[in-house]
Amino acid sequence: MKKLLLWPSFILFFLKELFLANFRVARDVLRKSPRIQPAIVAVPLDLKSKFGLMVLANSITLTPGTLALDISDDDKTMYIHTLYLDGGKEAFIKLTKETFEKRIMELFDS
């Protein structure tokens, strides 16, 4: 029952992230000199659920400016392409784990 109650929170979180990412990408498209720093980052994963991994990959891919490229064979690492590596790789990893992965783990991992 508790997990069922987490879904509205996750949906609102995702919609907020979707809006902010769309705004950021649109702003850069309209600038003379976009402020992008593209990179591919290997993000270590703590998710155990295959379905949770799929939701994480799709959530990242649906968010403009990021794309889930691959998951390692042992399901321990996700390779993500980002247009915005503002604070460096460690900051990107921390942000991804503390936002998307944490919320998805609450939904799918016990």
N, C-alpha and C. Protein backbone atom coordinates (compact mmCIF):
# COMPACT_ATOMS: atom_id res chain seq x y z
N MET A 1 0.83 -1.20 0.00
CA MET A 1 0.00 0.00 0.00
C MET A 1 0.87 1.26 0.00
N LYS A 2 1.97 1.21 0.78
CA LYS A 2 2.85 2.38 0.86
C LYS A 2 3.43 2.73 -0.51
N LYS A 3 3.82 1.69 -1.27
CA LYS A 3 4.40 1.91 -2.60
C LYS A 3 3.37 2.53 -3.55
N LEU A 4 2.12 2.14 -3.38
CA LEU A 4 1.06 2.71 -4.20
C LEU A 4 0.93 4.21 -3.97
N LEU A 5 1.12 4.63 -2.74
CA LEU A 5 1.03 6.05 -2.40
C LEU A 5 2.23 6.85 -2.91
N LEU A 6 3.35 6.16 -3.22
CA LEU A 6 4.54 6.84 -3.73
C LEU A 6 4.42 7.22 -5.20
N TRP A 7 3.54 6.54 -5.93
CA TRP A 7 3.40 6.81 -7.36
C TRP A 7 3.02 8.26 -7.69
N PRO A 8 2.03 8.85 -7.04
CA PRO A 8 1.71 10.25 -7.37
C PRO A 8 2.90 11.18 -7.15
N SER A 9 3.67 10.93 -6.10
CA SER A 9 4.85 11.74 -5.83
C SER A 9 5.88 11.58 -6.95
N PHE A 10 6.10 10.34 -7.40
CA PHE A 10 7.04 10.11 -8.49
C PHE A 10 6.58 10.78 -9.78
N ILE A 11 5.31 10.67 -10.07
CA ILE A 11 4.77 11.29 -11.30
C ILE A 11 4.94 12.80 -11.26
N LEU A 12 4.63 13.42 -10.13
CA LEU A 12 4.82 14.87 -10.02
C LEU A 12 6.30 15.24 -10.14
N PHE A 13 7.17 14.48 -9.49
CA PHE A 13 8.61 14.71 -9.61
C PHE A 13 9.05 14.62 -11.07
N PHE A 14 8.62 13.57 -11.76
CA PHE A 14 9.03 13.39 -13.15
C PHE A 14 8.50 14.52 -14.04
N LEU A 15 7.27 14.93 -13.84
CA LEU A 15 6.71 16.03 -14.64
C LEU A 15 7.48 17.33 -14.41
N LYS A 16 7.88 17.57 -13.16
CA LYS A 16 8.69 18.76 -12.85
C LYS A 16 10.04 18.68 -13.58
N GLU A 17 10.70 17.53 -13.50
CA GLU A 17 11.99 17.34 -14.17
C GLU A 17 11.84 17.48 -15.68
N LEU A 18 10.76 16.95 -16.22
CA LEU A 18 10.49 17.03 -17.65
C LEU A 18 10.32 18.48 -18.09
N PHE A 19 9.56 19.24 -17.33
CA PHE A 19 9.35 20.66 -17.64
C PHE A 19 10.67 21.44 -17.57
N LEU A 20 11.43 21.25 -16.49
CA LEU A 20 12.68 21.99 -16.33
C LEU A 20 13.69 21.63 -17.43
N ALA A 21 13.77 20.35 -17.78
CA ALA A 21 14.70 19.93 -18.83
C ALA A 21 14.29 20.48 -20.19
N ASN A 22 12.98 20.48 -20.48
CA ASN A 22 12.50 21.06 -21.74
C ASN A 22 12.84 22.54 -21.81
N PHE A 23 12.64 23.23 -20.72
CA PHE A 23 12.94 24.66 -20.67
C PHE A 23 14.43 24.91 -20.91
N ARG A 24 15.28 24.13 -20.26
CA ARG A 24 16.73 24.31 -20.39
C ARG A 24 17.20 24.05 -21.82
N VAL A 25 16.73 22.97 -22.42
CA VAL A 25 17.14 22.65 -23.79
C VAL A 25 16.60 23.71 -24.76
N ALA A 26 15.35 24.11 -24.59
CA ALA A 26 14.77 25.14 -25.47
C ALA A 26 15.54 26.45 -25.35
N ARG A 27 15.91 26.81 -24.13
CA ARG A 27 16.70 28.03 -23.92
C ARG A 27 18.03 27.95 -24.66
N ASP A 28 18.69 26.80 -24.61
CA ASP A 28 19.97 26.66 -25.30
C ASP A 28 19.82 26.65 -26.81
N VAL A 29 18.72 26.10 -27.30
CA VAL A 29 18.47 26.10 -28.74
C VAL A 29 18.33 27.53 -29.26
N LEU A 30 17.75 28.40 -28.44
CA LEU A 30 17.51 29.78 -28.87
C LEU A 30 18.72 30.71 -28.65
N ARG A 31 19.70 30.28 -27.90
CA ARG A 31 20.88 31.11 -27.65
C ARG A 31 21.83 31.11 -28.85
N LYS A 32 22.57 32.21 -28.97
CA LYS A 32 23.60 32.28 -30.01
C LYS A 32 24.70 31.26 -29.74
N SER A 33 25.13 31.19 -28.49
CA SER A 33 26.15 30.21 -28.13
C SER A 33 25.62 29.37 -26.96
N PRO A 34 25.13 28.16 -27.27
CA PRO A 34 24.56 27.30 -26.23
C PRO A 34 25.58 26.96 -25.14
N ARG A 35 25.09 26.77 -23.95
CA ARG A 35 25.95 26.43 -22.80
C ARG A 35 25.88 24.93 -22.52
N ILE A 36 26.28 24.15 -23.50
CA ILE A 36 26.24 22.71 -23.29
C ILE A 36 27.65 22.17 -23.07
N GLN A 37 27.71 21.10 -22.32
CA GLN A 37 28.94 20.36 -22.06
C GLN A 37 28.61 18.89 -22.21
N PRO A 38 28.53 18.37 -23.45
CA PRO A 38 28.13 16.98 -23.64
C PRO A 38 29.17 16.00 -23.09
N ALA A 39 28.67 14.89 -22.56
CA ALA A 39 29.56 13.85 -22.02
C ALA A 39 28.78 12.55 -21.88
N ILE A 40 29.52 11.47 -21.82
CA ILE A 40 28.95 10.17 -21.48
C ILE A 40 29.48 9.80 -20.11
N VAL A 41 28.57 9.48 -19.20
CA VAL A 41 28.93 9.22 -17.81
C VAL A 41 28.49 7.80 -17.43
N ALA A 42 29.38 7.07 -16.78
CA ALA A 42 29.05 5.75 -16.24
C ALA A 42 28.53 5.94 -14.82
N VAL A 43 27.27 5.64 -14.62
CA VAL A 43 26.63 5.83 -13.32
C VAL A 43 26.46 4.47 -12.65
N PRO A 44 27.11 4.26 -11.49
CA PRO A 44 26.93 3.00 -10.78
C PRO A 44 25.51 2.90 -10.24
N LEU A 45 24.93 1.71 -10.32
CA LEU A 45 23.54 1.52 -9.93
C LEU A 45 23.41 0.66 -8.68
N ASP A 46 22.40 0.98 -7.88
CA ASP A 46 22.05 0.18 -6.72
C ASP A 46 20.71 -0.54 -6.91
N LEU A 47 20.00 -0.19 -7.97
CA LEU A 47 18.71 -0.83 -8.27
C LEU A 47 18.90 -2.32 -8.50
N LYS A 48 17.98 -3.12 -8.01
CA LYS A 48 18.04 -4.57 -8.20
C LYS A 48 16.98 -5.06 -9.19
N SER A 49 15.86 -4.40 -9.22
CA SER A 49 14.73 -4.82 -10.03
C SER A 49 14.96 -4.52 -11.51
N LYS A 50 14.73 -5.53 -12.36
CA LYS A 50 14.84 -5.33 -13.82
C LYS A 50 13.81 -4.29 -14.28
N PHE A 51 12.60 -4.36 -13.74
CA PHE A 51 11.58 -3.39 -14.12
C PHE A 51 11.98 -1.99 -13.67
N GLY A 52 12.57 -1.89 -12.48
CA GLY A 52 13.06 -0.60 -11.99
C GLY A 52 14.15 -0.05 -12.89
N LEU A 53 15.05 -0.92 -13.37
CA LEU A 53 16.09 -0.48 -14.31
C LEU A 53 15.47 0.06 -15.59
N MET A 54 14.42 -0.62 -16.06
CA MET A 54 13.75 -0.16 -17.27
C MET A 54 13.09 1.20 -17.06
N VAL A 55 12.44 1.37 -15.90
CA VAL A 55 11.79 2.65 -15.60
C VAL A 55 12.84 3.75 -15.49
N LEU A 56 13.97 3.46 -14.86
CA LEU A 56 15.05 4.44 -14.74
C LEU A 56 15.58 4.83 -16.11
N ALA A 57 15.87 3.85 -16.95
CA ALA A 57 16.40 4.13 -18.29
C ALA A 57 15.40 4.95 -19.11
N ASN A 58 14.13 4.59 -19.03
CA ASN A 58 13.11 5.32 -19.79
C ASN A 58 12.91 6.73 -19.24
N SER A 59 12.94 6.88 -17.93
CA SER A 59 12.78 8.21 -17.33
C SER A 59 13.92 9.13 -17.76
N ILE A 60 15.12 8.61 -17.76
CA ILE A 60 16.28 9.40 -18.18
C ILE A 60 16.20 9.74 -19.66
N THR A 61 15.80 8.76 -20.47
CA THR A 61 15.72 9.00 -21.91
C THR A 61 14.60 9.97 -22.26
N LEU A 62 13.50 9.92 -21.54
CA LEU A 62 12.38 10.83 -21.82
C LEU A 62 12.65 12.26 -21.39
N THR A 63 13.64 12.45 -20.53
CA THR A 63 13.99 13.79 -20.06
C THR A 63 14.94 14.43 -21.06
N PRO A 64 14.54 15.52 -21.71
CA PRO A 64 15.41 16.16 -22.70
C PRO A 64 16.78 16.53 -22.12
N GLY A 65 17.82 16.28 -22.92
CA GLY A 65 19.17 16.60 -22.50
C GLY A 65 19.92 15.40 -21.96
N THR A 66 19.20 14.29 -21.75
CA THR A 66 19.85 13.06 -21.28
C THR A 66 19.34 11.88 -22.09
N LEU A 67 20.19 10.86 -22.19
CA LEU A 67 19.84 9.65 -22.93
C LEU A 67 20.54 8.46 -22.30
N ALA A 68 19.76 7.47 -21.88
CA ALA A 68 20.34 6.23 -21.36
C ALA A 68 20.84 5.42 -22.55
N LEU A 69 22.15 5.21 -22.62
CA LEU A 69 22.74 4.52 -23.75
C LEU A 69 22.77 3.01 -23.58
N ASP A 70 23.16 2.55 -22.40
CA ASP A 70 23.34 1.12 -22.18
C ASP A 70 23.40 0.83 -20.68
N ILE A 71 23.13 -0.42 -20.36
CA ILE A 71 23.31 -0.91 -18.99
C ILE A 71 24.28 -2.08 -19.09
N SER A 72 25.25 -2.12 -18.20
CA SER A 72 26.24 -3.19 -18.24
C SER A 72 25.57 -4.55 -18.07
N ASP A 73 26.27 -5.61 -18.50
CA ASP A 73 25.72 -6.96 -18.43
C ASP A 73 25.36 -7.39 -17.01
N ASP A 74 26.09 -6.88 -16.01
CA ASP A 74 25.80 -7.24 -14.63
C ASP A 74 24.79 -6.29 -13.96
N ASP A 75 24.21 -5.38 -14.73
CA ASP A 75 23.20 -4.42 -14.25
C ASP A 75 23.72 -3.50 -13.15
N LYS A 76 25.00 -3.28 -13.09
CA LYS A 76 25.59 -2.44 -12.03
C LYS A 76 25.96 -1.04 -12.51
N THR A 77 25.94 -0.79 -13.83
CA THR A 77 26.34 0.50 -14.38
C THR A 77 25.44 0.88 -15.54
N MET A 78 25.00 2.14 -15.54
CA MET A 78 24.25 2.68 -16.67
C MET A 78 25.08 3.78 -17.31
N TYR A 79 25.18 3.73 -18.61
CA TYR A 79 25.91 4.74 -19.37
C TYR A 79 24.91 5.75 -19.89
N ILE A 80 25.11 7.00 -19.49
CA ILE A 80 24.16 8.07 -19.81
C ILE A 80 24.88 9.17 -20.58
N HIS A 81 24.27 9.60 -21.68
CA HIS A 81 24.76 10.76 -22.41
C HIS A 81 24.00 11.97 -21.89
N THR A 82 24.73 13.00 -21.55
CA THR A 82 24.11 14.24 -21.08
C THR A 82 24.63 15.43 -21.88
N LEU A 83 23.80 16.40 -22.07
CA LEU A 83 24.23 17.65 -22.71
C LEU A 83 24.82 18.61 -21.69
N TYR A 84 24.57 18.34 -20.40
CA TYR A 84 24.96 19.30 -19.37
C TYR A 84 25.76 18.63 -18.26
N LEU A 85 27.05 18.69 -18.37
CA LEU A 85 27.92 18.16 -17.32
C LEU A 85 28.47 19.35 -16.54
N ASP A 86 27.57 20.14 -16.00
CA ASP A 86 27.90 21.41 -15.35
C ASP A 86 28.92 21.28 -14.22
N GLY A 87 28.64 20.42 -13.27
CA GLY A 87 29.49 20.33 -12.08
C GLY A 87 30.49 19.20 -12.13
N GLY A 88 30.65 18.55 -13.27
CA GLY A 88 31.56 17.43 -13.39
C GLY A 88 30.82 16.10 -13.27
N LYS A 89 31.56 15.03 -13.53
CA LYS A 89 30.97 13.69 -13.54
C LYS A 89 30.44 13.27 -12.18
N GLU A 90 31.19 13.55 -11.13
CA GLU A 90 30.75 13.15 -9.79
C GLU A 90 29.45 13.83 -9.40
N ALA A 91 29.31 15.10 -9.73
CA ALA A 91 28.08 15.83 -9.42
C ALA A 91 26.90 15.26 -10.22
N PHE A 92 27.15 14.90 -11.48
CA PHE A 92 26.10 14.32 -12.31
C PHE A 92 25.65 12.97 -11.74
N ILE A 93 26.63 12.14 -11.35
CA ILE A 93 26.32 10.83 -10.76
C ILE A 93 25.50 11.01 -9.48
N LYS A 94 25.94 11.90 -8.62
CA LYS A 94 25.24 12.14 -7.36
C LYS A 94 23.80 12.60 -7.60
N LEU A 95 23.63 13.54 -8.53
CA LEU A 95 22.30 14.05 -8.85
C LEU A 95 21.40 12.94 -9.39
N THR A 96 21.92 12.13 -10.29
CA THR A 96 21.13 11.04 -10.88
C THR A 96 20.72 10.03 -9.81
N LYS A 97 21.64 9.67 -8.93
CA LYS A 97 21.36 8.68 -7.90
C LYS A 97 20.40 9.22 -6.83
N GLU A 98 20.54 10.49 -6.48
CA GLU A 98 19.72 11.06 -5.41
C GLU A 98 18.34 11.50 -5.88
N THR A 99 18.16 11.60 -7.17
CA THR A 99 16.84 11.99 -7.67
C THR A 99 16.14 10.78 -8.29
N PHE A 100 16.50 10.46 -9.52
CA PHE A 100 15.80 9.40 -10.24
C PHE A 100 15.96 8.03 -9.59
N GLU A 101 17.19 7.59 -9.37
CA GLU A 101 17.39 6.23 -8.86
C GLU A 101 16.76 6.05 -7.48
N LYS A 102 16.95 7.00 -6.60
CA LYS A 102 16.40 6.89 -5.24
C LYS A 102 14.89 6.72 -5.26
N ARG A 103 14.23 7.54 -6.06
CA ARG A 103 12.76 7.49 -6.12
C ARG A 103 12.27 6.18 -6.74
N ILE A 104 12.99 5.71 -7.76
CA ILE A 104 12.60 4.46 -8.40
C ILE A 104 12.87 3.27 -7.50
N MET A 105 13.95 3.34 -6.73
CA MET A 105 14.22 2.26 -5.76
C MET A 105 13.11 2.17 -4.73
N GLU A 106 12.58 3.30 -4.31
CA GLU A 106 11.47 3.29 -3.36
C GLU A 106 10.23 2.59 -3.92
N LEU A 107 10.07 2.67 -5.24
CA LEU A 107 8.91 2.06 -5.88
C LEU A 107 9.08 0.57 -6.17
N PHE A 108 10.30 0.17 -6.53
CA PHE A 108 10.47 -1.19 -7.05
C PHE A 108 11.38 -2.12 -6.24
N ASP A 109 12.27 -1.59 -5.44
CA ASP A 109 13.14 -2.45 -4.65
C ASP A 109 12.64 -2.49 -3.21
N SER A 110 12.71 -3.64 -2.62
CA SER A 110 12.24 -3.79 -1.24
C SER A 110 13.23 -3.26 -0.24
